[in-house]
Amino acid sequence: MLDIKNLSMVYETERGPIRAVNNISFSLVNGEILGLVGESGCGKSATLLSILGLVPYPGKIQSGKILFQGEDLTQKTSSEMRRIRGKDISMIFQDPMTTLNPVFKVGEQVRESLRIHDLIKATGGSWWSRRQQKNGNEIERVLELMREVGIPAPENRYFEYPFQFSGGMQQRAIIAIALSGSTKLLLADEPTTALDVTIQAQILELLRKINRVHGTSIIMVTHDLGMAAEFCQRIAVMYAGEIVEQGHTDQVLDNPKHPYTQGLLRSIPRIGATRRKLLPIPGSVPDLADLHETCPFHPRCDQVNEKCSLGTHTLREVEEEHFVKCALYC
């Protein structure tokens, strides 16, 4: 379904180009759930925005291909992308309160996405009867979507404004908008941020149901490795705009190869485990405007060696479908 090849996205600034996404490659098959994990600022959300063609100025895709069902999205015009965006590929943004328009009723915002892609079509009869039939079909479809995502009493909630919805209900409304088209690929940018644990579990179960019932492929961006372990079939670990490790979830979490992945797992508190100190990764994420042609993690790495400063490295397969980008495996 999705094949990203050597994608790079940069922001042109006064300090020079900032490489938010640096030569990454990964693929996604029908019905698969992929997790993009890593610290804030490592390029996870920038990758999703690149797929949708929503990179904000002064950012631009510098090189690479984004093949969606065999077609390169980087070669599409703005009008062609508008026909794909929200229909074949949808996105759940991080903050539903700022995504929903505060001055429009929630039901009308879901209905708008149906109209944009002309998903409801009525035929036969006079112009007025067609108009009434179309409006009735649109509203009924919106109510069906609201029921599907678990919004109670949709006949009443249709006419309410976003501020009358809780955070969890707002996120369900965003998911209803994402499902309004014949969505084949769903991009979820930390969809459970700022939600309590119970609501997080409900949102994840809803996304799992969408994946199971509709066969929708999902890319989940998260910094929560526990969530990725529970929800994702494969994981790609990002650092400083690069994918440093990727593979099946069990491979990456049970047998991490890259020192950064190992550091992330060591820094997670574990209930019931023997008493031990948390071991945070020393240092901080590098300045993306001042990266050199070496491994960006080596200043923080506890396994650094002379190979780390010899130049960039490529993803290597260390076991079946488990890839690592590290000098330790060159």
C-alpha atoms as a PDB file:
ATOM      1  CA  MET A   1       0.000   0.000   0.000  1.00  0.00           C
ATOM      2  CA  LEU A   2       2.639   2.535   1.051  1.00  0.00           C
ATOM      3  CA  ASP A   3       6.313   2.513   0.118  1.00  0.00           C
ATOM      4  CA  ILE A   4       8.510   5.411   1.217  1.00  0.00           C
ATOM      5  CA  LYS A   5      11.938   5.514  -0.401  1.00  0.00           C
ATOM      6  CA  ASN A   6      14.816   7.744   0.740  1.00  0.00           C
ATOM      7  CA  LEU A   7      12.513  10.559   1.879  1.00  0.00           C
ATOM      8  CA  SER A   8      14.123  13.795   3.063  1.00  0.00           C
ATOM      9  CA  MET A   9      12.234  16.891   4.195  1.00  0.00           C
ATOM     10  CA  VAL A  10      13.975  20.139   5.156  1.00  0.00           C
ATOM     11  CA  TYR A  11      13.078  23.550   6.553  1.00  0.00           C
ATOM     12  CA  GLU A  12      15.028  26.390   4.958  1.00  0.00           C
ATOM     13  CA  THR A  13      16.001  28.844   7.697  1.00  0.00           C
ATOM     14  CA  GLU A  14      18.470  31.684   8.236  1.00  0.00           C
ATOM     15  CA  ARG A  15      20.755  29.190   9.972  1.00  0.00           C
ATOM     16  CA  GLY A  16      20.649  26.927   6.938  1.00  0.00           C
ATOM     17  CA  PRO A  17      18.581  23.849   6.125  1.00  0.00           C
ATOM     18  CA  ILE A  18      17.118  21.919   9.048  1.00  0.00           C
ATOM     19  CA  ARG A  19      16.683  18.297   8.030  1.00  0.00           C
ATOM     20  CA  ALA A  20      13.525  17.229   9.883  1.00  0.00           C
ATOM     21  CA  VAL A  21      13.318  13.938   7.950  1.00  0.00           C
ATOM     22  CA  ASN A  22      16.612  12.511   6.765  1.00  0.00           C
ATOM     23  CA  ASN A  23      16.659   9.826   4.061  1.00  0.00           C
ATOM     24  CA  ILE A  24      14.132   7.425   5.608  1.00  0.00           C
ATOM     25  CA  SER A  25      12.596   4.349   3.981  1.00  0.00           C
ATOM     26  CA  PHE A  26       9.827   2.037   5.130  1.00  0.00           C
ATOM     27  CA  SER A  27       6.787   0.261   3.735  1.00  0.00           C
ATOM     28  CA  LEU A  28       3.284  -0.648   4.869  1.00  0.00           C
ATOM     29  CA  VAL A  29       1.029  -3.437   3.611  1.00  0.00           C
ATOM     30  CA  ASN A  30      -2.770  -3.540   3.611  1.00  0.00           C
ATOM     31  CA  GLY A  31      -4.246  -3.819   7.091  1.00  0.00           C
ATOM     32  CA  GLU A  32      -0.923  -3.363   8.892  1.00  0.00           C
ATOM     33  CA  ILE A  33      -0.311  -1.163  11.959  1.00  0.00           C
ATOM     34  CA  LEU A  34       3.101   0.528  12.119  1.00  0.00           C
ATOM     35  CA  GLY A  35       4.363   2.531  15.088  1.00  0.00           C
ATOM     36  CA  LEU A  36       6.766   5.475  14.715  1.00  0.00           C
ATOM     37  CA  VAL A  37       8.425   6.013  18.106  1.00  0.00           C
ATOM     38  CA  GLY A  38      11.087   8.315  19.469  1.00  0.00           C
ATOM     39  CA  GLU A  39      11.677  11.504  21.440  1.00  0.00           C
ATOM     40  CA  SER A  40       9.888  14.756  20.655  1.00  0.00           C
ATOM     41  CA  GLY A  41      11.414  16.508  17.661  1.00  0.00           C
ATOM     42  CA  CYS A  42      12.807  13.374  16.005  1.00  0.00           C
ATOM     43  CA  GLY A  43      10.680  13.736  12.842  1.00  0.00           C
ATOM     44  CA  LYS A  44       7.674  11.504  13.494  1.00  0.00           C
ATOM     45  CA  SER A  45       4.959  14.104  12.838  1.00  0.00           C
ATOM     46  CA  ALA A  46       6.993  15.626  10.004  1.00  0.00           C
ATOM     47  CA  THR A  47       6.909  12.229   8.291  1.00  0.00           C
ATOM     48  CA  LEU A  48       3.110  12.113   8.463  1.00  0.00           C
ATOM     49  CA  LEU A  49       2.790  15.674   7.163  1.00  0.00           C
ATOM     50  CA  SER A  50       5.085  14.771   4.261  1.00  0.00           C
ATOM     51  CA  ILE A  51       2.847  11.831   3.320  1.00  0.00           C
ATOM     52  CA  LEU A  52      -0.213  14.104   3.245  1.00  0.00           C
ATOM     53  CA  GLY A  53       1.541  16.950   1.430  1.00  0.00           C
ATOM     54  CA  LEU A  54       0.908  19.302   4.360  1.00  0.00           C
ATOM     55  CA  VAL A  55       4.486  20.376   5.093  1.00  0.00           C
ATOM     56  CA  PRO A  56       4.230  23.990   6.331  1.00  0.00           C
ATOM     57  CA  TYR A  57       6.361  26.774   4.829  1.00  0.00           C
ATOM     58  CA  PRO A  58       9.375  27.067   4.778  1.00  0.00           C
ATOM     59  CA  GLY A  59       9.516  23.279   4.739  1.00  0.00           C
ATOM     60  CA  LYS A  60       9.724  21.237   1.553  1.00  0.00           C
ATOM     61  CA  ILE A  61      10.315  17.657   0.462  1.00  0.00           C
ATOM     62  CA  GLN A  62      13.878  17.688  -0.786  1.00  0.00           C
ATOM     63  CA  SER A  63      14.161  14.187  -2.216  1.00  0.00           C
ATOM     64  CA  GLY A  64      12.683  10.713  -2.201  1.00  0.00           C
ATOM     65  CA  LYS A  65       9.431   9.046  -3.190  1.00  0.00           C
ATOM     66  CA  ILE A  66       6.138   8.410  -1.381  1.00  0.00           C
ATOM     67  CA  LEU A  67       4.438   5.628  -3.311  1.00  0.00           C
ATOM     68  CA  PHE A  68       0.788   5.150  -2.334  1.00  0.00           C
ATOM     69  CA  GLN A  69      -0.832   2.254  -4.199  1.00  0.00           C
ATOM     70  CA  GLY A  70       1.894   2.613  -6.835  1.00  0.00           C
ATOM     71  CA  GLU A  71       1.497   6.385  -7.386  1.00  0.00           C
ATOM     72  CA  ASP A  72       4.142   8.873  -6.250  1.00  0.00           C
ATOM     73  CA  LEU A  73       2.440  11.456  -4.021  1.00  0.00           C
ATOM     74  CA  THR A  74       5.404  13.833  -4.304  1.00  0.00           C
ATOM     75  CA  GLN A  75       4.519  14.325  -7.989  1.00  0.00           C
ATOM     76  CA  LYS A  76       0.841  15.128  -7.373  1.00  0.00           C
ATOM     77  CA  THR A  77      -0.539  18.638  -7.818  1.00  0.00           C
ATOM     78  CA  SER A  78      -2.358  20.425  -4.986  1.00  0.00           C
ATOM     79  CA  SER A  79      -5.774  19.645  -6.483  1.00  0.00           C
ATOM     80  CA  GLU A  80      -4.863  15.969  -6.932  1.00  0.00           C
ATOM     81  CA  MET A  81      -3.727  15.761  -3.305  1.00  0.00           C
ATOM     82  CA  ARG A  82      -6.995  17.341  -2.125  1.00  0.00           C
ATOM     83  CA  ARG A  83      -8.883  14.460  -3.760  1.00  0.00           C
ATOM     84  CA  ILE A  84      -6.728  11.944  -1.888  1.00  0.00           C
ATOM     85  CA  ARG A  85      -6.458  13.775   1.426  1.00  0.00           C
ATOM     86  CA  GLY A  86      -9.359  12.928   3.735  1.00  0.00           C
ATOM     87  CA  LYS A  87     -10.671  10.247   1.383  1.00  0.00           C
ATOM     88  CA  ASP A  88      -7.989   7.633   0.722  1.00  0.00           C
ATOM     89  CA  ILE A  89      -5.589   8.934   3.384  1.00  0.00           C
ATOM     90  CA  SER A  90      -6.896  10.536   6.591  1.00  0.00           C
ATOM     91  CA  MET A  91      -5.148  11.947   9.633  1.00  0.00           C
ATOM     92  CA  ILE A  92      -6.026  12.132  13.310  1.00  0.00           C
ATOM     93  CA  PHE A  93      -4.215  15.163  14.655  1.00  0.00           C
ATOM     94  CA  GLN A  94      -2.673  15.450  18.082  1.00  0.00           C
ATOM     95  CA  ASP A  95      -5.007  18.017  19.669  1.00  0.00           C
ATOM     96  CA  PRO A  96      -8.719  17.623  18.802  1.00  0.00           C
ATOM     97  CA  MET A  97      -9.683  20.953  20.407  1.00  0.00           C
ATOM     98  CA  THR A  98      -7.529  22.915  17.958  1.00  0.00           C
ATOM     99  CA  THR A  99      -8.462  20.634  15.043  1.00  0.00           C
ATOM    100  CA  LEU A 100     -12.231  21.073  15.355  1.00  0.00           C
ATOM    101  CA  ASN A 101     -13.679  24.458  14.395  1.00  0.00           C
ATOM    102  CA  PRO A 102     -15.134  25.980  17.604  1.00  0.00           C
ATOM    103  CA  VAL A 103     -17.932  27.905  15.824  1.00  0.00           C
ATOM    104  CA  PHE A 104     -19.477  24.992  13.902  1.00  0.00           C
ATOM    105  CA  LYS A 105     -21.561  22.150  15.266  1.00  0.00           C
ATOM    106  CA  VAL A 106     -19.722  18.856  15.475  1.00  0.00           C
ATOM    107  CA  GLY A 107     -22.220  16.998  13.268  1.00  0.00           C
ATOM    108  CA  GLU A 108     -21.896  19.628  10.546  1.00  0.00           C
ATOM    109  CA  GLN A 109     -18.099  19.286  10.596  1.00  0.00           C
ATOM    110  CA  VAL A 110     -18.409  15.538  10.012  1.00  0.00           C
ATOM    111  CA  ARG A 111     -21.005  16.226   7.289  1.00  0.00           C
ATOM    112  CA  GLU A 112     -18.687  18.720   5.586  1.00  0.00           C
ATOM    113  CA  SER A 113     -16.113  15.989   4.932  1.00  0.00           C
ATOM    114  CA  LEU A 114     -18.827  13.941   3.203  1.00  0.00           C
ATOM    115  CA  ARG A 115     -19.731  16.874   0.981  1.00  0.00           C
ATOM    116  CA  ILE A 116     -16.141  17.711   0.050  1.00  0.00           C
ATOM    117  CA  HIS A 117     -15.583  14.295  -1.450  1.00  0.00           C
ATOM    118  CA  ASP A 118     -19.154  13.977  -2.773  1.00  0.00           C
ATOM    119  CA  LEU A 119     -19.635  10.686  -0.985  1.00  0.00           C
ATOM    120  CA  ILE A 120     -23.434  10.969  -0.756  1.00  0.00           C
ATOM    121  CA  LYS A 121     -25.245  10.981  -4.097  1.00  0.00           C
ATOM    122  CA  ALA A 122     -29.033  10.970  -4.581  1.00  0.00           C
ATOM    123  CA  THR A 123     -30.681  10.365  -7.931  1.00  0.00           C
ATOM    124  CA  GLY A 124     -34.172  10.588  -9.389  1.00  0.00           C
ATOM    125  CA  GLY A 125     -37.076  12.977  -8.757  1.00  0.00           C
ATOM    126  CA  SER A 126     -37.202  16.747  -8.942  1.00  0.00           C
ATOM    127  CA  TRP A 127     -34.372  19.052  -7.922  1.00  0.00           C
ATOM    128  CA  TRP A 128     -36.071  19.767  -4.586  1.00  0.00           C
ATOM    129  CA  SER A 129     -36.738  16.101  -3.806  1.00  0.00           C
ATOM    130  CA  ARG A 130     -33.164  15.226  -4.718  1.00  0.00           C
ATOM    131  CA  ARG A 131     -31.951  17.986  -2.439  1.00  0.00           C
ATOM    132  CA  GLN A 132     -34.085  16.745   0.457  1.00  0.00           C
ATOM    133  CA  GLN A 133     -33.026  13.149  -0.143  1.00  0.00           C
ATOM    134  CA  LYS A 134     -29.365  14.105  -0.290  1.00  0.00           C
ATOM    135  CA  ASN A 135     -29.572  16.107   2.939  1.00  0.00           C
ATOM    136  CA  GLY A 136     -31.373  13.255   4.668  1.00  0.00           C
ATOM    137  CA  ASN A 137     -28.818  10.708   3.471  1.00  0.00           C
ATOM    138  CA  GLU A 138     -25.939  12.914   4.580  1.00  0.00           C
ATOM    139  CA  ILE A 139     -27.328  13.374   8.082  1.00  0.00           C
ATOM    140  CA  GLU A 140     -28.121   9.668   8.449  1.00  0.00           C
ATOM    141  CA  ARG A 141     -24.583   8.787   7.349  1.00  0.00           C
ATOM    142  CA  VAL A 142     -23.142  11.240   9.886  1.00  0.00           C
ATOM    143  CA  LEU A 143     -25.248   9.665  12.648  1.00  0.00           C
ATOM    144  CA  GLU A 144     -24.008   6.216  11.593  1.00  0.00           C
ATOM    145  CA  LEU A 145     -20.396   7.402  11.812  1.00  0.00           C
ATOM    146  CA  MET A 146     -20.967   8.965  15.232  1.00  0.00           C
ATOM    147  CA  ARG A 147     -22.511   5.725  16.485  1.00  0.00           C
ATOM    148  CA  GLU A 148     -19.633   3.706  15.036  1.00  0.00           C
ATOM    149  CA  VAL A 149     -17.028   5.695  16.957  1.00  0.00           C
ATOM    150  CA  GLY A 150     -19.004   5.442  20.189  1.00  0.00           C
ATOM    151  CA  ILE A 151     -20.514   8.929  20.536  1.00  0.00           C
ATOM    152  CA  PRO A 152     -23.687   8.399  22.617  1.00  0.00           C
ATOM    153  CA  ALA A 153     -27.058   9.888  21.593  1.00  0.00           C
ATOM    154  CA  PRO A 154     -25.730  11.135  18.211  1.00  0.00           C
ATOM    155  CA  GLU A 155     -29.143  12.644  17.333  1.00  0.00           C
ATOM    156  CA  ASN A 156     -28.508  15.168  20.122  1.00  0.00           C
ATOM    157  CA  ARG A 157     -24.714  15.444  19.977  1.00  0.00           C
ATOM    158  CA  TYR A 158     -24.912  16.269  16.242  1.00  0.00           C
ATOM    159  CA  PHE A 159     -26.077  19.796  17.149  1.00  0.00           C
ATOM    160  CA  GLU A 160     -23.531  20.461  19.917  1.00  0.00           C
ATOM    161  CA  TYR A 161     -20.323  22.488  19.627  1.00  0.00           C
ATOM    162  CA  PRO A 162     -16.805  21.168  20.314  1.00  0.00           C
ATOM    163  CA  PHE A 163     -16.596  22.858  23.733  1.00  0.00           C
ATOM    164  CA  GLN A 164     -19.593  20.758  24.816  1.00  0.00           C
ATOM    165  CA  PHE A 165     -17.619  17.565  24.119  1.00  0.00           C
ATOM    166  CA  SER A 166     -15.057  16.055  26.497  1.00  0.00           C
ATOM    167  CA  GLY A 167     -11.515  15.462  25.227  1.00  0.00           C
ATOM    168  CA  GLY A 168     -12.287  11.815  24.517  1.00  0.00           C
ATOM    169  CA  MET A 169     -15.508  12.686  22.667  1.00  0.00           C
ATOM    170  CA  GLN A 170     -13.670  15.324  20.628  1.00  0.00           C
ATOM    171  CA  GLN A 171     -11.136  12.710  19.567  1.00  0.00           C
ATOM    172  CA  ARG A 172     -13.980  10.356  18.587  1.00  0.00           C
ATOM    173  CA  ALA A 173     -15.447  13.139  16.446  1.00  0.00           C
ATOM    174  CA  ILE A 174     -12.064  13.560  14.718  1.00  0.00           C
ATOM    175  CA  ILE A 175     -11.974   9.812  14.055  1.00  0.00           C
ATOM    176  CA  ALA A 176     -15.522  10.004  12.614  1.00  0.00           C
ATOM    177  CA  ILE A 177     -14.320  12.706  10.206  1.00  0.00           C
ATOM    178  CA  ALA A 178     -11.359  10.518   9.256  1.00  0.00           C
ATOM    179  CA  LEU A 179     -13.702   7.588   8.542  1.00  0.00           C
ATOM    180  CA  SER A 180     -16.115   9.623   6.436  1.00  0.00           C
ATOM    181  CA  GLY A 181     -14.244   8.701   3.261  1.00  0.00           C
ATOM    182  CA  SER A 182     -13.233   5.295   1.990  1.00  0.00           C
ATOM    183  CA  THR A 183     -10.065   5.612   4.054  1.00  0.00           C
ATOM    184  CA  LYS A 184      -7.377   3.084   3.230  1.00  0.00           C
ATOM    185  CA  LEU A 185      -4.601   4.636   5.320  1.00  0.00           C
ATOM    186  CA  LEU A 186      -5.074   6.321   8.687  1.00  0.00           C
ATOM    187  CA  LEU A 187      -2.294   8.503  10.101  1.00  0.00           C
ATOM    188  CA  ALA A 188      -2.632   8.868  13.886  1.00  0.00           C
ATOM    189  CA  ASP A 189      -0.420  11.573  15.406  1.00  0.00           C
ATOM    190  CA  GLU A 190      -0.375  10.786  19.140  1.00  0.00           C
ATOM    191  CA  PRO A 191      -4.183  10.456  19.244  1.00  0.00           C
ATOM    192  CA  THR A 192      -4.309   9.794  23.008  1.00  0.00           C
ATOM    193  CA  THR A 193      -2.272  12.809  24.163  1.00  0.00           C
ATOM    194  CA  ALA A 194      -3.794  14.586  27.220  1.00  0.00           C
ATOM    195  CA  LEU A 195      -6.408  11.848  27.690  1.00  0.00           C
ATOM    196  CA  ASP A 196      -6.658   9.839  30.901  1.00  0.00           C
ATOM    197  CA  VAL A 197      -5.691   6.174  30.902  1.00  0.00           C
ATOM    198  CA  THR A 198      -9.258   4.844  30.646  1.00  0.00           C
ATOM    199  CA  ILE A 199     -10.097   7.034  27.651  1.00  0.00           C
ATOM    200  CA  GLN A 200      -6.754   6.176  26.036  1.00  0.00           C
ATOM    201  CA  ALA A 201      -7.681   2.497  26.183  1.00  0.00           C
ATOM    202  CA  GLN A 202     -11.090   3.224  24.626  1.00  0.00           C
ATOM    203  CA  ILE A 203      -9.550   5.219  21.748  1.00  0.00           C
ATOM    204  CA  LEU A 204      -6.992   2.489  21.067  1.00  0.00           C
ATOM    205  CA  GLU A 205      -9.714  -0.165  21.089  1.00  0.00           C
ATOM    206  CA  LEU A 206     -11.726   1.947  18.642  1.00  0.00           C
ATOM    207  CA  LEU A 207      -8.729   2.230  16.293  1.00  0.00           C
ATOM    208  CA  ARG A 208      -8.126  -1.509  16.593  1.00  0.00           C
ATOM    209  CA  LYS A 209     -11.774  -2.129  15.662  1.00  0.00           C
ATOM    210  CA  ILE A 210     -11.450   0.161  12.620  1.00  0.00           C
ATOM    211  CA  ASN A 211      -8.356  -1.768  11.544  1.00  0.00           C
ATOM    212  CA  ARG A 212     -10.085  -5.115  12.016  1.00  0.00           C
ATOM    213  CA  VAL A 213     -13.495  -4.296  10.509  1.00  0.00           C
ATOM    214  CA  HIS A 214     -12.480  -2.011   7.628  1.00  0.00           C
ATOM    215  CA  GLY A 215      -8.985  -3.382   6.969  1.00  0.00           C
ATOM    216  CA  THR A 216      -7.591   0.142   7.337  1.00  0.00           C
ATOM    217  CA  SER A 217      -3.806   0.436   7.555  1.00  0.00           C
ATOM    218  CA  ILE A 218      -2.591   2.669  10.395  1.00  0.00           C
ATOM    219  CA  ILE A 219       0.621   4.564  11.126  1.00  0.00           C
ATOM    220  CA  MET A 220       0.674   5.458  14.824  1.00  0.00           C
ATOM    221  CA  VAL A 221       3.045   8.179  16.047  1.00  0.00           C
ATOM    222  CA  THR A 222       3.806   7.873  19.751  1.00  0.00           C
ATOM    223  CA  HIS A 223       6.577   8.309  22.298  1.00  0.00           C
ATOM    224  CA  ASP A 224       4.915   5.691  24.541  1.00  0.00           C
ATOM    225  CA  LEU A 225       6.653   2.354  23.975  1.00  0.00           C
ATOM    226  CA  GLY A 226       4.067   0.574  26.125  1.00  0.00           C
ATOM    227  CA  MET A 227       1.293   1.750  23.815  1.00  0.00           C
ATOM    228  CA  ALA A 228       3.328   0.759  20.757  1.00  0.00           C
ATOM    229  CA  ALA A 229       3.916  -2.705  22.229  1.00  0.00           C
ATOM    230  CA  GLU A 230       0.195  -3.230  22.765  1.00  0.00           C
ATOM    231  CA  PHE A 231      -1.113  -1.713  19.549  1.00  0.00           C
ATOM    232  CA  CYS A 232       1.457  -1.977  16.738  1.00  0.00           C
ATOM    233  CA  GLN A 233       2.535  -4.966  14.649  1.00  0.00           C
ATOM    234  CA  ARG A 234       5.799  -3.338  13.549  1.00  0.00           C
ATOM    235  CA  ILE A 235       7.858  -0.502  15.028  1.00  0.00           C
ATOM    236  CA  ALA A 236      10.248   2.026  13.473  1.00  0.00           C
ATOM    237  CA  VAL A 237      12.434   3.929  15.951  1.00  0.00           C
ATOM    238  CA  MET A 238      13.356   7.464  14.865  1.00  0.00           C
ATOM    239  CA  TYR A 239      16.157   9.705  16.074  1.00  0.00           C
ATOM    240  CA  ALA A 240      17.170  13.114  14.691  1.00  0.00           C
ATOM    241  CA  GLY A 241      15.099  12.614  11.552  1.00  0.00           C
ATOM    242  CA  GLU A 242      16.455   9.120  10.815  1.00  0.00           C
ATOM    243  CA  ILE A 243      15.057   5.621  11.283  1.00  0.00           C
ATOM    244  CA  VAL A 244      17.691   3.853  13.387  1.00  0.00           C
ATOM    245  CA  GLU A 245      15.878   0.552  13.943  1.00  0.00           C
ATOM    246  CA  GLN A 246      12.786  -1.157  12.594  1.00  0.00           C
ATOM    247  CA  GLY A 247      11.227  -4.575  12.734  1.00  0.00           C
ATOM    248  CA  HIS A 248       8.384  -6.589  14.218  1.00  0.00           C
ATOM    249  CA  THR A 249       7.287  -5.290  17.612  1.00  0.00           C
ATOM    250  CA  ASP A 250       8.552  -8.349  19.502  1.00  0.00           C
ATOM    251  CA  GLN A 251      11.926  -8.153  17.763  1.00  0.00           C
ATOM    252  CA  VAL A 252      12.484  -4.479  18.533  1.00  0.00           C
ATOM    253  CA  LEU A 253      11.254  -4.528  22.136  1.00  0.00           C
ATOM    254  CA  ASP A 254      12.490  -7.965  23.250  1.00  0.00           C
ATOM    255  CA  ASN A 255      15.830  -7.845  21.462  1.00  0.00           C
ATOM    256  CA  PRO A 256      16.710  -4.178  20.777  1.00  0.00           C
ATOM    257  CA  LYS A 257      19.917  -3.749  18.791  1.00  0.00           C
ATOM    258  CA  HIS A 258      20.460   0.004  18.521  1.00  0.00           C
ATOM    259  CA  PRO A 259      21.877   1.712  21.642  1.00  0.00           C
ATOM    260  CA  TYR A 260      19.164   4.382  21.391  1.00  0.00           C
ATOM    261  CA  THR A 261      16.364   1.790  21.468  1.00  0.00           C
ATOM    262  CA  GLN A 262      18.086   0.090  24.401  1.00  0.00           C
ATOM    263  CA  GLY A 263      18.295   3.442  26.192  1.00  0.00           C
ATOM    264  CA  LEU A 264      14.604   4.151  25.646  1.00  0.00           C
ATOM    265  CA  LEU A 265      13.662   0.788  27.154  1.00  0.00           C
ATOM    266  CA  ARG A 266      16.005   1.243  30.143  1.00  0.00           C
ATOM    267  CA  SER A 267      14.356   4.567  30.980  1.00  0.00           C
ATOM    268  CA  ILE A 268      10.854   3.065  31.385  1.00  0.00           C
ATOM    269  CA  PRO A 269       9.664   2.464  34.979  1.00  0.00           C
ATOM    270  CA  ARG A 270       8.508  -1.130  35.492  1.00  0.00           C
ATOM    271  CA  ILE A 271       5.879  -2.124  38.045  1.00  0.00           C
ATOM    272  CA  GLY A 272       6.786  -5.237  39.995  1.00  0.00           C
ATOM    273  CA  ALA A 273      10.338  -5.417  38.699  1.00  0.00           C
ATOM    274  CA  THR A 274      13.323  -5.736  41.028  1.00  0.00           C
ATOM    275  CA  ARG A 275      14.387  -2.409  42.466  1.00  0.00           C
ATOM    276  CA  ARG A 276      16.719  -0.574  40.142  1.00  0.00           C
ATOM    277  CA  LYS A 277      17.525   2.982  39.233  1.00  0.00           C
ATOM    278  CA  LEU A 278      16.028   4.459  36.095  1.00  0.00           C
ATOM    279  CA  LEU A 279      18.747   5.061  33.554  1.00  0.00           C
ATOM    280  CA  PRO A 280      17.886   8.093  31.418  1.00  0.00           C
ATOM    281  CA  ILE A 281      19.745   8.687  28.178  1.00  0.00           C
ATOM    282  CA  PRO A 282      22.403  11.340  28.907  1.00  0.00           C
ATOM    283  CA  GLY A 283      22.552  14.579  26.956  1.00  0.00           C
ATOM    284  CA  SER A 284      19.878  15.948  24.656  1.00  0.00           C
ATOM    285  CA  VAL A 285      18.668  15.661  21.065  1.00  0.00           C
ATOM    286  CA  PRO A 286      21.201  17.288  18.692  1.00  0.00           C
ATOM    287  CA  ASP A 287      20.619  20.560  16.910  1.00  0.00           C
ATOM    288  CA  LEU A 288      19.197  19.548  13.513  1.00  0.00           C
ATOM    289  CA  ALA A 289      20.786  22.614  11.918  1.00  0.00           C
ATOM    290  CA  ASP A 290      24.244  21.442  13.001  1.00  0.00           C
ATOM    291  CA  LEU A 291      24.324  17.771  12.081  1.00  0.00           C
ATOM    292  CA  HIS A 292      27.508  16.270  10.680  1.00  0.00           C
ATOM    293  CA  GLU A 293      28.095  13.283   8.405  1.00  0.00           C
ATOM    294  CA  THR A 294      28.315  10.936  11.369  1.00  0.00           C
ATOM    295  CA  CYS A 295      25.878   9.032  13.551  1.00  0.00           C
ATOM    296  CA  PRO A 296      23.755  11.724  15.261  1.00  0.00           C
ATOM    297  CA  PHE A 297      23.418   9.598  18.413  1.00  0.00           C
ATOM    298  CA  HIS A 298      27.121   8.992  19.043  1.00  0.00           C
ATOM    299  CA  PRO A 299      27.596  11.949  21.492  1.00  0.00           C
ATOM    300  CA  ARG A 300      25.037  10.272  23.811  1.00  0.00           C
ATOM    301  CA  CYS A 301      25.924   6.640  23.100  1.00  0.00           C
ATOM    302  CA  ASP A 302      27.434   4.374  25.759  1.00  0.00           C
ATOM    303  CA  GLN A 303      28.764   1.964  23.113  1.00  0.00           C
ATOM    304  CA  VAL A 304      30.537   4.462  20.881  1.00  0.00           C
ATOM    305  CA  ASN A 305      33.613   3.255  18.980  1.00  0.00           C
ATOM    306  CA  GLU A 306      35.990   4.501  16.301  1.00  0.00           C
ATOM    307  CA  LYS A 307      33.628   3.445  13.478  1.00  0.00           C
ATOM    308  CA  CYS A 308      30.972   5.920  14.624  1.00  0.00           C
ATOM    309  CA  SER A 309      32.896   8.928  13.288  1.00  0.00           C
ATOM    310  CA  LEU A 310      33.797   7.407   9.930  1.00  0.00           C
ATOM    311  CA  GLY A 311      30.605   8.540   8.190  1.00  0.00           C
ATOM    312  CA  THR A 312      26.959   7.732   7.826  1.00  0.00           C
ATOM    313  CA  HIS A 313      25.711   4.163   7.958  1.00  0.00           C
ATOM    314  CA  THR A 314      22.790   2.382   6.326  1.00  0.00           C
ATOM    315  CA  LEU A 315      20.075   0.130   7.701  1.00  0.00           C
ATOM    316  CA  ARG A 316      21.330  -3.429   7.822  1.00  0.00           C
ATOM    317  CA  GLU A 317      19.302  -6.589   8.333  1.00  0.00           C
ATOM    318  CA  VAL A 318      20.625  -8.202  11.535  1.00  0.00           C
ATOM    319  CA  GLU A 319      17.920 -10.875  11.590  1.00  0.00           C
ATOM    320  CA  GLU A 320      14.937 -11.609   9.376  1.00  0.00           C
ATOM    321  CA  GLU A 321      13.002  -8.336   8.831  1.00  0.00           C
ATOM    322  CA  HIS A 322      14.889  -6.633  11.694  1.00  0.00           C
ATOM    323  CA  PHE A 323      16.971  -3.669  10.500  1.00  0.00           C
ATOM    324  CA  VAL A 324      19.439  -1.494  12.423  1.00  0.00           C
ATOM    325  CA  LYS A 325      21.419   1.599  11.467  1.00  0.00           C
ATOM    326  CA  CYS A 326      24.494   1.447  13.678  1.00  0.00           C
ATOM    327  CA  ALA A 327      28.267   1.092  13.334  1.00  0.00           C
ATOM    328  CA  LEU A 328      28.142  -1.900  15.706  1.00  0.00           C
ATOM    329  CA  TYR A 329      26.603  -3.959  12.915  1.00  0.00           C
ATOM    330  CA  CYS A 330      28.638  -2.746   9.943  1.00  0.00           C
END
